[in-house]
C-alpha atoms as a PDB file:
ATOM      1  CA  MET A   1      25.353 -24.101  -0.614  1.00  0.00           C
ATOM      2  CA  ALA A   2      21.767 -25.244   0.074  1.00  0.00           C
ATOM      3  CA  GLY A   3      20.477 -25.007   3.617  1.00  0.00           C
ATOM      4  CA  THR A   4      22.974 -22.403   4.865  1.00  0.00           C
ATOM      5  CA  THR A   5      20.928 -19.240   4.353  1.00  0.00           C
ATOM      6  CA  ASP A   6      17.635 -18.154   5.863  1.00  0.00           C
ATOM      7  CA  LYS A   7      14.516 -18.270   3.725  1.00  0.00           C
ATOM      8  CA  VAL A   8      12.074 -17.010   6.373  1.00  0.00           C
ATOM      9  CA  GLN A   9      12.053 -15.186   9.702  1.00  0.00           C
ATOM     10  CA  PHE A  10       9.914 -15.585  12.807  1.00  0.00           C
ATOM     11  CA  ASN A  11       9.995 -15.213  16.611  1.00  0.00           C
ATOM     12  CA  LEU A  12      11.217 -12.000  18.229  1.00  0.00           C
ATOM     13  CA  LYS A  13      13.501 -12.574  21.223  1.00  0.00           C
ATOM     14  CA  ASN A  14      16.516 -11.222  23.133  1.00  0.00           C
ATOM     15  CA  VAL A  15      15.323  -7.627  23.280  1.00  0.00           C
ATOM     16  CA  HIS A  16      17.903  -5.357  24.953  1.00  0.00           C
ATOM     17  CA  TYR A  17      18.310  -1.612  25.405  1.00  0.00           C
ATOM     18  CA  ALA A  18      21.513   0.382  25.895  1.00  0.00           C
ATOM     19  CA  VAL A  19      21.230   3.967  27.105  1.00  0.00           C
ATOM     20  CA  GLN A  20      23.105   6.407  24.866  1.00  0.00           C
ATOM     21  CA  THR A  21      25.790   8.155  26.922  1.00  0.00           C
ATOM     22  CA  ALA A  22      27.380  10.312  24.198  1.00  0.00           C
ATOM     23  CA  SER A  23      26.246  11.533  20.790  1.00  0.00           C
ATOM     24  CA  GLY A  24      27.750  13.494  17.937  1.00  0.00           C
ATOM     25  CA  ASP A  25      30.893  12.316  16.158  1.00  0.00           C
ATOM     26  CA  THR A  26      31.611   9.604  18.727  1.00  0.00           C
ATOM     27  CA  PRO A  27      28.374   8.094  20.046  1.00  0.00           C
ATOM     28  CA  ALA A  28      28.616   5.744  23.019  1.00  0.00           C
ATOM     29  CA  TRP A  29      26.232   3.494  24.929  1.00  0.00           C
ATOM     30  CA  ASP A  30      26.008   1.772  28.301  1.00  0.00           C
ATOM     31  CA  THR A  31      26.128  -2.024  28.468  1.00  0.00           C
ATOM     32  CA  PRO A  32      22.941  -3.518  26.978  1.00  0.00           C
ATOM     33  CA  VAL A  33      20.242  -4.584  29.466  1.00  0.00           C
ATOM     34  CA  LYS A  34      17.962  -7.522  28.635  1.00  0.00           C
ATOM     35  CA  VAL A  35      14.206  -6.901  28.565  1.00  0.00           C
ATOM     36  CA  PRO A  36      12.330 -10.192  29.027  1.00  0.00           C
ATOM     37  CA  GLY A  37       8.879 -10.805  27.583  1.00  0.00           C
ATOM     38  CA  ALA A  38       9.178  -9.754  23.922  1.00  0.00           C
ATOM     39  CA  VAL A  39       5.814 -10.092  22.169  1.00  0.00           C
ATOM     40  CA  SER A  40       6.132  -8.188  18.888  1.00  0.00           C
ATOM     41  CA  LEU A  41       8.030  -5.459  17.081  1.00  0.00           C
ATOM     42  CA  THR A  42       6.610  -3.712  14.040  1.00  0.00           C
ATOM     43  CA  LEU A  43       8.805  -0.999  12.542  1.00  0.00           C
ATOM     44  CA  ASP A  44       7.961   0.786   9.311  1.00  0.00           C
ATOM     45  CA  GLN A  45      10.556   2.653   7.298  1.00  0.00           C
ATOM     46  CA  GLN A  46      10.414   6.431   7.472  1.00  0.00           C
ATOM     47  CA  GLY A  47      11.315   8.456   4.410  1.00  0.00           C
ATOM     48  CA  GLU A  48       9.977   9.571   1.072  1.00  0.00           C
ATOM     49  CA  LEU A  49      10.440   8.893  -2.605  1.00  0.00           C
ATOM     50  CA  THR A  50      10.505  12.239  -4.416  1.00  0.00           C
ATOM     51  CA  PRO A  51      10.500  12.208  -8.221  1.00  0.00           C
ATOM     52  CA  PHE A  52      12.194  14.990 -10.214  1.00  0.00           C
ATOM     53  CA  TYR A  53      10.725  15.536 -13.645  1.00  0.00           C
ATOM     54  CA  ALA A  54      12.680  16.641 -16.703  1.00  0.00           C
ATOM     55  CA  ASP A  55      12.340  15.948 -20.409  1.00  0.00           C
ATOM     56  CA  GLY A  56       8.737  14.890 -19.777  1.00  0.00           C
ATOM     57  CA  ILE A  57       9.767  11.881 -17.622  1.00  0.00           C
ATOM     58  CA  VAL A  58      10.868  11.026 -14.119  1.00  0.00           C
ATOM     59  CA  TYR A  59      14.468  12.077 -14.634  1.00  0.00           C
ATOM     60  CA  TYR A  60      15.662  11.296 -11.122  1.00  0.00           C
ATOM     61  CA  ASN A  61      14.166   9.784  -7.961  1.00  0.00           C
ATOM     62  CA  SER A  62      15.347  11.092  -4.609  1.00  0.00           C
ATOM     63  CA  VAL A  63      14.953   8.693  -1.689  1.00  0.00           C
ATOM     64  CA  SER A  64      15.286   9.823   1.932  1.00  0.00           C
ATOM     65  CA  ASN A  65      16.105   7.509   4.833  1.00  0.00           C
ATOM     66  CA  ASN A  66      14.692   8.856   8.080  1.00  0.00           C
ATOM     67  CA  GLY A  67      14.997   5.585   9.974  1.00  0.00           C
ATOM     68  CA  TYR A  68      12.095   3.564  11.362  1.00  0.00           C
ATOM     69  CA  SER A  69       9.052   4.062  13.548  1.00  0.00           C
ATOM     70  CA  GLY A  70       6.615   1.606  15.089  1.00  0.00           C
ATOM     71  CA  ASP A  71       5.535  -0.343  18.137  1.00  0.00           C
ATOM     72  CA  LEU A  72       7.430  -2.552  20.555  1.00  0.00           C
ATOM     73  CA  GLU A  73       5.053  -4.800  22.480  1.00  0.00           C
ATOM     74  CA  MET A  74       6.266  -6.471  25.655  1.00  0.00           C
ATOM     75  CA  ALA A  75       4.631  -8.632  28.306  1.00  0.00           C
ATOM     76  CA  LEU A  76       5.582  -5.927  30.833  1.00  0.00           C
ATOM     77  CA  PHE A  77       8.239  -3.227  30.640  1.00  0.00           C
ATOM     78  CA  PRO A  78      10.512  -3.721  33.669  1.00  0.00           C
ATOM     79  CA  ASP A  79      10.879  -1.039  36.337  1.00  0.00           C
ATOM     80  CA  GLN A  80      14.579  -0.579  35.539  1.00  0.00           C
ATOM     81  CA  MET A  81      13.757   0.334  31.936  1.00  0.00           C
ATOM     82  CA  LEU A  82      11.145   2.829  33.146  1.00  0.00           C
ATOM     83  CA  ILE A  83      13.891   4.419  35.268  1.00  0.00           C
ATOM     84  CA  ASP A  84      16.712   4.225  32.687  1.00  0.00           C
ATOM     85  CA  ILE A  85      14.801   5.336  29.559  1.00  0.00           C
ATOM     86  CA  TRP A  86      11.766   7.307  30.713  1.00  0.00           C
ATOM     87  CA  GLY A  87      13.264   8.892  33.821  1.00  0.00           C
ATOM     88  CA  TYR A  88      10.918   7.471  36.420  1.00  0.00           C
ATOM     89  CA  THR A  89      12.256   7.857  39.953  1.00  0.00           C
ATOM     90  CA  LYS A  90      11.875   5.443  42.833  1.00  0.00           C
ATOM     91  CA  THR A  91      11.220   6.742  46.332  1.00  0.00           C
ATOM     92  CA  GLU A  92      13.876   5.622  48.791  1.00  0.00           C
ATOM     93  CA  THR A  93      11.623   4.655  51.674  1.00  0.00           C
ATOM     94  CA  ASP A  94       8.478   3.316  49.991  1.00  0.00           C
ATOM     95  CA  ASN A  95       9.961   2.010  46.697  1.00  0.00           C
ATOM     96  CA  VAL A  96       7.214   3.684  44.656  1.00  0.00           C
ATOM     97  CA  LEU A  97       7.869   4.708  41.052  1.00  0.00           C
ATOM     98  CA  ILE A  98       7.086   8.321  40.173  1.00  0.00           C
ATOM     99  CA  GLU A  99       6.625   9.563  36.607  1.00  0.00           C
ATOM    100  CA  ASN A 100       7.265  13.272  36.020  1.00  0.00           C
ATOM    101  CA  SER A 101       5.974  14.980  32.880  1.00  0.00           C
ATOM    102  CA  THR A 102       8.968  17.361  32.678  1.00  0.00           C
ATOM    103  CA  VAL A 103      11.535  14.556  32.310  1.00  0.00           C
ATOM    104  CA  GLU A 104      12.683  13.901  28.744  1.00  0.00           C
ATOM    105  CA  PRO A 105      13.212  10.269  27.700  1.00  0.00           C
ATOM    106  CA  LYS A 106      16.811   9.240  27.061  1.00  0.00           C
ATOM    107  CA  PRO A 107      18.006   8.077  23.654  1.00  0.00           C
ATOM    108  CA  PHE A 108      19.030   4.429  23.479  1.00  0.00           C
ATOM    109  CA  ALA A 109      20.089   1.614  21.189  1.00  0.00           C
ATOM    110  CA  LEU A 110      17.562  -1.193  20.723  1.00  0.00           C
ATOM    111  CA  LEU A 111      19.030  -4.646  20.170  1.00  0.00           C
ATOM    112  CA  PHE A 112      16.996  -7.745  19.353  1.00  0.00           C
ATOM    113  CA  GLU A 113      17.007 -11.075  17.557  1.00  0.00           C
ATOM    114  CA  ILE A 114      14.630 -12.600  15.023  1.00  0.00           C
ATOM    115  CA  ASP A 115      14.915 -16.343  14.399  1.00  0.00           C
ATOM    116  CA  GLY A 116      15.283 -17.736  10.914  1.00  0.00           C
ATOM    117  CA  ASP A 117      14.916 -21.231   9.545  1.00  0.00           C
ATOM    118  CA  VAL A 118      18.735 -21.600   9.575  1.00  0.00           C
ATOM    119  CA  ASN A 119      20.641 -18.703  11.190  1.00  0.00           C
ATOM    120  CA  GLY A 120      18.381 -15.865  12.257  1.00  0.00           C
ATOM    121  CA  ARG A 121      19.366 -12.224  12.452  1.00  0.00           C
ATOM    122  CA  ARG A 122      20.522  -9.936  15.242  1.00  0.00           C
ATOM    123  CA  TYR A 123      19.708  -6.244  14.955  1.00  0.00           C
ATOM    124  CA  CYS A 124      20.850  -2.992  16.514  1.00  0.00           C
ATOM    125  CA  LEU A 125      18.967   0.269  16.018  1.00  0.00           C
ATOM    126  CA  TYR A 126      21.467   2.901  17.150  1.00  0.00           C
ATOM    127  CA  ASN A 127      19.500   6.050  17.949  1.00  0.00           C
ATOM    128  CA  CYS A 128      16.054   5.359  19.408  1.00  0.00           C
ATOM    129  CA  THR A 129      13.580   7.328  21.444  1.00  0.00           C
ATOM    130  CA  ALA A 130      10.286   5.921  22.652  1.00  0.00           C
ATOM    131  CA  THR A 131       7.006   6.895  24.184  1.00  0.00           C
ATOM    132  CA  ARG A 132       6.418   5.624  27.684  1.00  0.00           C
ATOM    133  CA  PRO A 133       4.370   2.412  27.724  1.00  0.00           C
ATOM    134  CA  GLY A 134       0.631   2.603  28.015  1.00  0.00           C
ATOM    135  CA  ILE A 135      -1.406   1.256  30.909  1.00  0.00           C
ATOM    136  CA  GLY A 136      -4.282  -1.133  30.380  1.00  0.00           C
ATOM    137  CA  SER A 137      -5.886  -4.344  31.479  1.00  0.00           C
ATOM    138  CA  LYS A 138      -9.240  -6.059  31.532  1.00  0.00           C
ATOM    139  CA  THR A 139     -11.115  -8.359  33.843  1.00  0.00           C
ATOM    140  CA  ASN A 140     -10.452 -12.100  33.887  1.00  0.00           C
ATOM    141  CA  GLU A 141     -13.157 -14.227  32.336  1.00  0.00           C
ATOM    142  CA  ALA A 142     -13.175 -18.018  31.944  1.00  0.00           C
ATOM    143  CA  SER A 143      -9.388 -18.020  31.592  1.00  0.00           C
ATOM    144  CA  LYS A 144      -6.534 -15.680  32.414  1.00  0.00           C
ATOM    145  CA  THR A 145      -5.118 -13.920  29.367  1.00  0.00           C
ATOM    146  CA  PRO A 146      -1.980 -11.848  29.941  1.00  0.00           C
ATOM    147  CA  GLN A 147      -2.246  -8.185  28.960  1.00  0.00           C
ATOM    148  CA  THR A 148       0.701  -6.532  27.220  1.00  0.00           C
ATOM    149  CA  GLN A 149       2.222  -3.058  27.060  1.00  0.00           C
ATOM    150  CA  LYS A 150       3.273  -1.117  23.969  1.00  0.00           C
ATOM    151  CA  SER A 151       5.720   1.694  23.352  1.00  0.00           C
ATOM    152  CA  THR A 152       6.097   3.580  20.088  1.00  0.00           C
ATOM    153  CA  VAL A 153       9.745   3.561  19.055  1.00  0.00           C
ATOM    154  CA  SER A 154      11.446   5.950  16.659  1.00  0.00           C
ATOM    155  CA  ALA A 155      14.895   5.052  15.320  1.00  0.00           C
ATOM    156  CA  VAL A 156      16.591   7.932  13.499  1.00  0.00           C
ATOM    157  CA  PRO A 157      20.041   8.203  11.917  1.00  0.00           C
ATOM    158  CA  LEU A 158      23.091   9.092  13.986  1.00  0.00           C
ATOM    159  CA  GLU A 159      25.145  12.104  12.863  1.00  0.00           C
ATOM    160  CA  ASN A 160      27.274   9.746  10.750  1.00  0.00           C
ATOM    161  CA  GLY A 161      24.122   8.457   9.000  1.00  0.00           C
ATOM    162  CA  ASN A 162      24.071   5.006  10.609  1.00  0.00           C
ATOM    163  CA  VAL A 163      20.592   3.804  11.513  1.00  0.00           C
ATOM    164  CA  LEU A 164      20.853   0.048  11.890  1.00  0.00           C
ATOM    165  CA  ALA A 165      23.300  -2.848  12.038  1.00  0.00           C
ATOM    166  CA  ARG A 166      22.172  -6.410  11.244  1.00  0.00           C
ATOM    167  CA  THR A 167      23.963  -9.725  11.116  1.00  0.00           C
ATOM    168  CA  THR A 168      23.933 -11.837   7.970  1.00  0.00           C
ATOM    169  CA  ASP A 169      24.261 -15.541   7.234  1.00  0.00           C
ATOM    170  CA  GLU A 170      28.021 -14.954   6.869  1.00  0.00           C
ATOM    171  CA  THR A 171      28.553 -12.958  10.094  1.00  0.00           C
ATOM    172  CA  THR A 172      31.234 -14.595  12.240  1.00  0.00           C
ATOM    173  CA  SER A 173      30.156 -16.587  15.268  1.00  0.00           C
ATOM    174  CA  GLN A 174      32.292 -14.322  17.481  1.00  0.00           C
ATOM    175  CA  VAL A 175      30.305 -11.229  16.439  1.00  0.00           C
ATOM    176  CA  LYS A 176      26.999 -13.096  16.893  1.00  0.00           C
ATOM    177  CA  ASN A 177      28.026 -14.441  20.311  1.00  0.00           C
ATOM    178  CA  GLU A 178      29.058 -10.960  21.535  1.00  0.00           C
ATOM    179  CA  TRP A 179      26.113  -9.084  19.969  1.00  0.00           C
ATOM    180  CA  PHE A 180      24.327  -8.376  23.261  1.00  0.00           C
ATOM    181  CA  ASP A 181      27.518  -7.623  25.261  1.00  0.00           C
ATOM    182  CA  LYS A 182      27.882  -4.118  23.793  1.00  0.00           C
ATOM    183  CA  VAL A 183      26.431  -1.999  21.011  1.00  0.00           C
ATOM    184  CA  TYR A 184      28.012  -3.108  17.724  1.00  0.00           C
ATOM    185  CA  GLU A 185      30.328  -0.590  16.098  1.00  0.00           C
ATOM    186  CA  LYS A 186      32.322  -1.158  12.960  1.00  0.00           C
ATOM    187  CA  GLU A 187      36.005  -1.531  13.757  1.00  0.00           C
ATOM    188  CA  ALA A 188      38.289   1.148  12.345  1.00  0.00           C
ATOM    189  CA  ALA A 189      40.162   0.063   9.234  1.00  0.00           C
END
């Protein structure tokens, strides 16, 4: 039926993270936390195409799926995300954030939405790690231009092989409406 499926996509919004609380055969995540100020997300696939030659031709192509890697750009990463993902601590008396180089970042699920001309898509990358955001700014000139922060995100497969979940044009409204309430997991048959 014409007009019921997306032809294009645009506009990143509704970025959320959910800290991974268990891994292995039964991964689990905390409740997703919204991160306001989404600017851009550019993730490139990670993997290789490896040809096997026999009989003088490419007899078989092996394709690996190692997830995605790229940059998440935000207006400003919130303090709570710095604490939850990158292990910053906040002093009790002065409320100052402290970054410690010996603290390992926590794995998390990254949830987000990309608009479409009809329905749009909601995504969940299950097993992410990320570099802490950079620091930078520049002087104001004739006008104020907001400066952004970037973090490099790596999304790798879970033990069960799952990397990503994404809604489709046919996804039920209930699933779409509850997408950011918890990390999506396929119901057992």
